[in-house]
Protein backbone atom coordinates (compact mmCIF):
# COMPACT_ATOMS: atom_id res chain seq x y z
CA ALA A 1 91.17 194.09 213.93
CA VAL A 2 88.30 194.82 211.58
CA VAL A 3 87.45 198.50 211.17
CA THR A 4 83.73 199.01 210.67
CA LEU A 5 82.36 201.66 208.31
CA ALA A 6 81.00 203.62 211.28
CA GLN A 7 84.45 203.70 212.90
CA ALA A 8 86.00 204.77 209.62
CA CYS A 9 83.49 207.62 209.36
CA VAL A 10 84.37 208.94 212.80
CA GLU A 11 88.12 208.60 212.26
CA PHE A 12 88.02 210.18 208.81
CA ARG A 13 86.01 213.17 209.98
CA GLY A 14 88.41 213.64 212.85
CA MET A 15 91.39 213.64 210.50
CA ALA A 16 89.67 216.12 208.18
CA ARG A 17 89.39 218.60 211.03
CA LEU A 18 93.11 218.25 211.66
CA ASP A 19 94.19 218.65 208.04
CA ARG A 20 96.07 221.90 208.64
CA ASP A 21 98.33 220.01 211.05
CA ASN A 22 98.70 217.04 208.69
CA PRO A 23 99.93 218.27 205.30
CA ALA A 24 101.07 214.76 204.44
CA LEU A 25 97.52 213.46 204.99
CA VAL A 26 96.10 216.13 202.68
CA SER A 27 98.69 215.35 200.02
CA ASP A 28 98.03 211.61 200.22
CA LEU A 29 94.28 212.03 199.97
CA GLN A 30 94.73 214.43 197.04
CA SER A 31 96.86 211.81 195.28
CA LEU A 32 94.26 209.15 196.03
CA LEU A 33 91.55 211.24 194.34
CA GLN A 34 93.74 211.91 191.32
CA SER A 35 94.70 208.24 190.95
CA ASP A 36 91.50 207.63 188.96
CA ASP A 37 91.25 204.07 190.24
CA GLY A 38 88.26 204.54 192.52
CA ASP A 39 85.50 201.99 192.81
CA ALA A 40 82.73 204.60 192.62
CA VAL A 41 81.55 206.82 189.77
CA VAL A 42 80.24 210.38 190.11
CA VAL A 43 78.35 211.56 187.05
CA ALA A 44 78.18 215.34 186.66
CA ARG A 45 75.95 217.28 184.29
CA GLY A 46 76.56 216.48 180.65
CA ASP A 47 77.37 212.87 181.66
CA LYS A 48 80.88 213.85 182.68
CA VAL A 49 82.37 211.00 184.72
CA LEU A 50 84.69 211.35 187.71
CA ARG A 51 86.00 208.43 189.71
CA ALA A 52 86.09 208.30 193.50
CA HIS A 53 86.26 205.82 196.38
CA CYS A 54 83.14 204.49 198.05
CA LEU A 55 84.61 204.40 201.55
CA ILE A 56 85.59 208.08 201.49
CA LEU A 57 82.31 209.22 199.96
CA GLN A 58 80.35 207.20 202.52
CA ALA A 59 82.50 208.44 205.38
CA ARG A 60 82.05 212.09 204.44
CA SER A 61 78.38 212.19 203.53
CA PRO A 62 75.41 210.35 205.04
CA VAL A 63 73.49 211.04 201.84
CA LEU A 64 76.16 209.42 199.65
CA ARG A 65 76.43 206.59 202.17
CA ALA A 66 72.73 205.89 201.81
CA GLN A 67 72.89 206.07 198.01
CA LEU A 68 75.94 203.84 197.63
CA SER A 69 74.74 201.22 200.09
CA SER A 70 71.15 201.02 198.87
CA PRO A 71 69.79 197.99 197.00
CA MET A 72 68.75 200.31 194.16
CA GLU A 73 70.68 200.94 190.96
CA GLU A 74 72.99 203.51 192.56
CA GLY A 75 74.07 201.05 195.23
CA ARG A 76 74.53 198.14 192.81
CA SER A 77 76.50 200.16 190.24
CA LYS A 78 78.31 202.36 192.78
CA SER A 79 77.36 205.30 190.59
CA VAL A 80 75.71 208.56 191.72
CA ARG A 81 74.53 211.54 189.70
CA MET A 82 75.52 214.95 191.02
CA ASP A 83 73.64 218.11 190.05
CA ALA A 84 76.81 220.05 189.24
CA ASP A 85 78.98 220.78 186.25
CA GLU A 86 82.28 218.95 185.88
CA ASP A 87 84.38 221.63 187.59
CA GLU A 88 81.97 221.98 190.51
CA ALA A 89 81.87 218.23 191.00
CA ARG A 90 85.68 218.02 190.86
CA ILE A 91 86.12 220.80 193.44
CA PHE A 92 83.48 219.29 195.69
CA LEU A 93 85.12 215.88 195.55
CA GLN A 94 88.45 217.48 196.40
CA PHE A 95 86.80 219.08 199.43
CA LEU A 96 85.33 215.71 200.43
CA TYR A 97 88.77 214.11 200.30
CA THR A 98 90.94 216.84 201.81
CA GLY A 99 88.64 219.20 203.71
CA ARG A 100 90.24 222.06 201.80
CA LEU A 101 89.42 224.45 198.97
CA LEU A 102 92.09 225.78 196.61
CA PRO A 103 91.98 229.58 196.08
CA ALA A 104 92.44 229.08 192.33
CA ASP A 105 89.15 227.16 192.21
CA LEU A 106 87.16 229.96 193.90
CA THR A 107 86.65 232.03 190.78
CA THR A 108 83.16 233.47 191.39
CA MET A 109 80.63 233.88 194.19
CA ASP A 110 78.19 231.79 192.15
CA ARG A 111 80.65 228.88 192.26
CA ILE A 112 81.12 229.24 196.02
CA LEU A 113 77.36 229.31 196.56
CA ARG A 114 76.97 226.23 194.36
CA LEU A 115 79.54 224.42 196.51
CA ALA A 116 77.61 225.50 199.60
CA GLU A 117 74.42 224.08 198.06
CA LEU A 118 76.17 220.78 197.37
CA ALA A 119 77.53 220.63 200.91
CA ASP A 120 74.04 221.29 202.26
CA PHE A 121 72.39 218.72 199.98
CA TYR A 122 74.91 216.01 200.84
CA ALA A 123 74.99 217.01 204.55
CA VAL A 124 78.74 217.59 204.53
CA ALA A 125 80.05 219.83 207.30
CA GLY A 126 83.12 222.05 207.21
CA LEU A 127 82.78 224.08 204.02
CA PRO A 128 82.65 227.44 205.87
CA ASP A 129 85.71 226.35 207.88
CA ALA A 130 87.57 225.62 204.64
CA LEU A 131 86.59 229.03 203.24
CA ALA A 132 87.76 230.72 206.45
CA GLU A 133 91.36 229.56 205.93
CA ASP A 134 93.76 232.41 205.15
CA GLU A 135 94.07 232.21 201.36
CA PRO A 136 90.48 231.20 200.54
CA LEU A 137 89.23 233.91 202.92
CA GLU A 138 91.28 236.53 201.10
CA VAL A 139 89.75 235.46 197.77
CA LEU A 140 86.29 235.37 199.32
CA SER A 141 86.74 238.89 200.71
CA THR A 142 87.58 240.25 197.27
CA LEU A 143 84.64 238.47 195.63
CA ILE A 144 82.15 239.65 198.26
CA ALA A 145 83.33 243.25 198.03
CA GLY A 146 82.82 243.14 194.26
CA GLN A 147 79.30 241.74 194.67
CA VAL A 148 78.14 244.06 197.46
CA GLN A 149 79.32 247.27 195.82
CA ASP A 150 76.44 249.21 194.21
CA ARG A 151 73.81 246.56 195.08
CA GLU A 152 70.50 248.02 196.24
CA ASP A 153 69.85 244.82 198.18
CA ALA A 154 73.36 244.66 199.66
CA ALA A 155 72.16 244.00 203.22
CA ALA A 156 69.81 241.20 202.14
CA TYR A 157 72.55 239.70 199.98
CA CYS A 158 74.99 239.74 202.90
CA ALA A 159 72.39 238.13 205.14
CA GLN A 160 71.78 235.41 202.57
CA LEU A 161 75.53 234.74 202.32
CA LEU A 162 75.84 234.39 206.05
CA SER A 163 72.86 232.04 206.21
CA VAL A 164 74.64 229.58 203.88
CA LEU A 165 78.20 230.30 205.09
CA PRO A 166 77.88 230.61 208.88
CA HIS A 167 81.31 231.34 210.30
CA LYS A 168 82.62 234.15 212.51
CA GLU A 169 85.55 235.06 210.24
CA ILE A 170 83.31 235.03 207.15
CA GLU A 171 80.76 237.16 209.00
CA HIS A 172 83.39 239.83 209.61
CA VAL A 173 84.44 239.74 205.95
CA ILE A 174 80.84 240.00 204.76
CA TYR A 175 79.93 242.94 206.93
CA ASP A 176 83.24 244.76 206.49
CA SER A 177 82.28 245.05 202.83
CA LEU A 178 78.88 246.56 203.67
CA VAL A 179 78.92 250.36 203.99
CA LEU A 180 76.00 251.52 206.14
CA ARG A 181 74.47 254.94 205.46
CA TRP A 182 71.44 256.29 207.23
CA GLY A 183 68.65 257.09 204.80
CA GLU A 184 69.80 254.33 202.44
CA ASN A 185 70.33 250.92 204.00
CA VAL A 186 70.60 250.93 207.80
CA PHE A 187 67.10 249.68 208.59
CA PRO A 188 67.15 246.98 205.87
CA ALA A 189 70.51 245.88 207.29
CA LEU A 190 69.00 245.78 210.79
CA CYS A 191 66.18 243.56 209.47
CA ALA A 192 68.79 241.31 207.85
CA ALA A 193 70.69 241.11 211.16
CA VAL A 194 67.51 240.03 212.95
CA ALA A 195 66.67 237.51 210.22
CA VAL A 196 70.03 235.73 210.37
CA GLY A 197 70.71 236.30 214.07
CA SER A 198 73.87 238.36 213.51
CA PRO A 199 74.89 240.34 216.62
CA ILE A 200 77.81 241.88 214.69
CA LEU A 201 75.61 243.48 212.03
CA ARG A 202 72.96 244.43 214.60
CA GLN A 203 75.50 246.29 216.74
CA ARG A 204 76.89 248.06 213.67
CA CYS A 205 73.40 249.25 212.71
CA ILE A 206 72.65 250.38 216.26
CA ALA A 207 75.96 252.26 216.35
CA VAL A 208 75.11 254.11 213.12
CA ILE A 209 71.68 255.09 214.47
CA GLY A 210 73.18 256.19 217.78
CA GLY A 211 75.85 258.19 215.97
CA VAL A 212 73.26 260.04 213.91
CA VAL A 213 71.20 260.92 216.97
CA SER A 214 74.18 261.97 219.09
CA ARG A 215 75.36 264.46 216.45
CA LEU A 216 72.15 266.49 216.63
CA GLU A 217 72.43 270.10 217.77
CA PRO A 218 69.65 272.55 218.67
CA SER A 219 70.37 274.85 215.75
CA GLN A 220 70.24 272.08 213.15
CA GLN A 221 67.32 270.62 211.31
CA HIS A 222 66.92 267.01 212.28
CA VAL A 223 69.57 265.11 210.30
CA LEU A 224 67.31 262.08 210.14
CA GLN A 225 65.01 264.12 207.93
CA PRO A 226 65.68 264.05 204.14
CA THR A 227 64.33 267.64 203.86
CA PRO A 228 63.32 270.21 206.48
CA ALA A 229 59.64 269.64 205.63
CA SER A 230 59.83 265.85 205.50
CA PRO A 231 59.50 263.81 208.73
CA ILE A 232 61.47 260.67 209.45
CA VAL A 233 58.59 258.42 208.44
CA THR A 234 58.99 259.54 204.81
CA SER A 235 62.68 258.62 204.76
CA VAL A 236 63.23 256.14 201.93
CA GLU A 237 64.27 253.21 204.08
CA LEU A 238 61.43 253.74 206.58
CA SER A 239 58.66 254.49 204.11
CA ARG A 240 55.56 252.33 204.21
CA GLU A 241 56.49 250.86 200.84
CA SER A 242 59.91 249.86 202.16
CA LEU A 243 58.41 248.36 205.34
CA GLU A 244 55.94 246.32 203.26
CA LYS A 245 58.76 245.02 201.05
CA LEU A 246 60.88 244.09 204.05
CA SER A 247 57.90 242.31 205.63
CA SER A 248 57.48 240.37 202.40
CA ASP A 249 61.21 239.58 202.05
CA TYR A 250 61.60 238.45 205.67
CA SER A 251 58.45 238.48 207.81
CA PRO A 252 56.39 241.07 209.72
CA ALA A 253 57.84 239.68 212.96
CA VAL A 254 61.40 240.34 211.77
CA VAL A 255 60.51 243.92 210.78
CA MET A 256 58.77 244.52 214.11
CA ARG A 257 61.79 243.26 216.05
CA ALA A 258 64.11 245.48 213.97
CA MET A 259 61.81 248.50 214.43
CA LEU A 260 61.75 248.04 218.19
CA ASP A 261 65.56 247.87 218.16
CA LEU A 262 65.70 251.10 216.13
CA VAL A 263 63.27 252.96 218.41
CA ARG A 264 65.10 251.74 221.50
CA ALA A 265 68.42 252.95 220.02
CA VAL A 266 66.96 256.40 219.36
CA VAL A 267 65.41 256.69 222.83
CA ASP A 268 68.55 255.46 224.58
CA ASN A 269 70.78 257.91 222.74
CA LEU A 270 68.44 260.82 223.39
CA LYS A 271 68.46 259.93 227.11
CA VAL A 272 72.24 260.04 227.13
CA GLU A 273 72.23 263.52 225.59
CA VAL A 274 69.63 264.79 228.07
CA GLU A 275 71.73 263.62 230.99
CA ASN A 276 74.81 265.38 229.58
CA PRO A 277 74.57 269.05 230.65
CA SER A 278 76.98 270.13 227.91
CA PHE A 279 74.32 269.37 225.27
CA ARG A 280 71.17 271.33 224.51
CA LEU A 281 69.54 268.70 222.33
CA TRP A 282 65.81 269.22 222.66
CA ASN A 283 64.00 271.39 220.15
CA VAL A 284 61.06 271.11 217.76
CA PRO A 285 62.77 268.61 215.36
CA GLN A 286 63.55 266.30 218.28
CA GLN A 287 59.95 266.42 219.45
CA ALA A 288 58.88 265.48 215.90
CA LEU A 289 61.36 262.59 215.96
CA LEU A 290 59.83 261.19 219.14
CA ARG A 291 56.34 261.35 217.67
CA ASP A 292 57.64 259.73 214.48
CA MET A 293 59.07 256.85 216.51
CA ALA A 294 55.64 256.09 217.97
CA GLY A 295 54.11 256.43 214.50
CA LEU A 296 56.59 253.96 213.03
CA ILE A 297 55.55 251.28 215.51
CA ASP A 298 51.93 251.85 214.49
CA THR A 299 52.88 251.61 210.81
CA VAL A 300 54.69 248.29 211.27
CA GLN A 301 51.66 246.88 213.11
CA GLU A 302 49.40 248.03 210.25
CA VAL A 303 51.73 246.47 207.67
CA ALA A 304 51.74 243.23 209.68
CA GLN A 305 47.94 243.12 209.64
CA GLY A 306 47.97 243.64 205.89
CA THR A 307 50.37 240.73 205.36
CA ASP A 308 48.64 238.25 207.67
CA GLU A 309 46.97 236.44 204.76
CA ARG A 310 50.09 236.25 202.59
CA PRO A 311 52.18 233.07 202.66
CA ALA A 312 54.97 233.51 205.17
CA PRO A 313 58.48 233.68 203.62
CA LYS A 314 60.94 230.99 204.60
CA PRO A 315 63.08 232.31 207.50
CA LEU A 316 66.81 232.55 206.87
CA THR A 317 67.56 230.96 210.23
CA ALA A 318 65.75 228.92 212.83
CA SER A 319 65.99 231.81 215.30
CA ALA A 320 64.10 234.09 212.90
CA SER A 321 61.21 231.61 212.74
CA THR A 322 60.71 231.90 216.51
CA LEU A 323 60.15 235.67 216.41
CA SER A 324 56.70 236.92 217.31
CA LEU A 325 54.66 240.03 216.60
CA ASP A 326 53.43 239.94 220.19
CA HIS A 327 55.65 242.54 221.83
CA ALA A 328 52.86 244.24 223.80
CA ALA A 329 54.90 244.71 226.98
CA GLU A 330 57.98 246.01 225.14
CA ILE A 331 55.91 248.33 222.93
CA SER A 332 54.11 249.67 226.00
CA ASP A 333 57.47 250.31 227.69
CA LEU A 334 58.84 252.05 224.60
CA ARG A 335 55.75 254.21 224.25
CA GLN A 336 56.13 255.27 227.89
CA SER A 337 59.80 256.07 227.27
CA LEU A 338 58.85 258.12 224.19
CA HIS A 339 56.18 259.99 226.16
CA GLU A 340 58.57 260.78 228.99
CA ALA A 341 61.26 261.85 226.54
CA GLU A 342 58.84 264.16 224.73
CA GLU A 343 57.79 265.74 228.03
CA ARG A 344 61.44 266.40 228.79
CA ALA A 345 61.85 267.80 225.29
CA LEU A 346 58.95 270.20 225.80
CA ALA A 347 60.25 271.27 229.22
CA SER A 348 63.75 271.76 227.83
CA SER A 349 62.36 273.72 224.88
CA SER A 350 60.44 275.96 227.29
CA ASP A 351 63.58 276.47 229.36
CA ALA A 352 65.54 277.29 226.23
CA ALA A 353 62.86 279.77 225.06
CA SER A 354 62.77 281.40 228.51
CA ALA A 355 66.55 281.67 228.58
CA LYS A 356 66.55 283.15 225.09
CA ALA A 357 63.91 285.76 226.08
CA GLN A 358 65.84 286.59 229.23
CA ALA A 359 69.02 287.01 227.21
CA ALA A 360 67.21 289.27 224.75
CA ARG A 361 65.94 291.45 227.61
CA ALA A 362 69.44 291.61 229.09
CA ASN A 363 70.86 292.60 225.71
CA ALA A 364 68.23 295.31 225.32
CA ALA A 365 68.96 296.66 228.81
CA ALA A 366 72.68 296.66 228.05
CA ALA A 367 72.10 298.51 224.79
CA GLU A 368 69.93 301.09 226.58
CA ALA A 369 72.57 301.58 229.30
CA ASP A 370 75.21 302.01 226.61
CA GLN A 371 73.10 304.69 224.91
CA ARG A 372 72.65 306.54 228.23
CA ALA A 373 76.39 306.37 228.88
CA ARG A 374 77.15 307.80 225.43
CA ALA A 375 74.61 310.57 225.97
CA ALA A 376 76.20 311.42 229.33
CA GLU A 377 79.63 311.56 227.68
CA ARG A 378 78.34 313.96 225.02
CA THR A 379 76.74 316.19 227.68
CA ALA A 380 79.97 316.27 229.67
CA GLU A 381 81.97 317.07 226.55
CA GLU A 382 79.66 319.95 225.66
CA ALA A 383 79.93 321.30 229.23
CA ARG A 384 83.73 321.30 229.06
CA ARG A 385 83.63 323.19 225.78
CA GLY A 386 81.26 325.81 227.29
CA GLU A 387 83.60 326.43 230.19
CA ALA A 388 86.53 326.82 227.83
């Protein structure tokens, strides 16, 4: 029977997905690549020539299939130019043949990202799957940790990595390397989570915000404040300058969505504390926080209006491009929640003040009673001495 090219494509792709269960297949394809007797030529930068086989290249990549079967020079000569250095081209060809990446070849994050670019350009699937194998994933984890450490744009960098290497295991590795600290990078990370559609990073950010709020105590200054005199809106990561930069890096719609998530997380955690009678959360700093939350929504809307005429940045994912600034119903609901929470805060503060005044009066009465008792004891003692 004659096997058509289309059938070969389907069968080859199917085998590539099963390579971990077919070590002999991987070994044979590796030997085929190294045989240097291919009928196709791949020319890397610097005119470095690598030989390959037309059928495999065409089966793995629709772009290479179009190039090698065209009536143009590439098709006639079976020669394609690849925008990669010799090592990158060699590793990419090995991936095309075997569906695998060798840990020894993954020397830098730049190289991995170049391979991802090649896979995207040639429409070759499976690179993230190959990176998520045990040994490559271990190397990738080490490389990412080295890159993320001490980066000011760590959250944005992680989001960019995930946009080009979408895979659940890689997502965990990326975000395990990202240390979230309120006042430094939580809100930028939340924007990144919205931009790439990462529920894992979003939940981690929400958990940090909730943890900060839930640790508040009446006697403390608000821990969301950098200084006692500085409200939350002047925190570095929520400053107007930071919001404008994030709107420019992602889009105003992404920042608005992230801000609504942040406000909702604060309100929800404050509600939990109010319902727990063992906590006395509400005081002046908490009232300021609630007003700040409403102010932050206003600030994001103002920033969005100021960026309307700027060219929109390219979204990291398709889901980010569908976000809208029109959250009127949700904003109205949040504002109502903030208003109700502030009313409860005021009532609770009044109750606390009343209880404090009552306690002070009780203490004063106790002190006065103690003085009277001492005076009575002295009088009795003097009377006993007089009788003696």
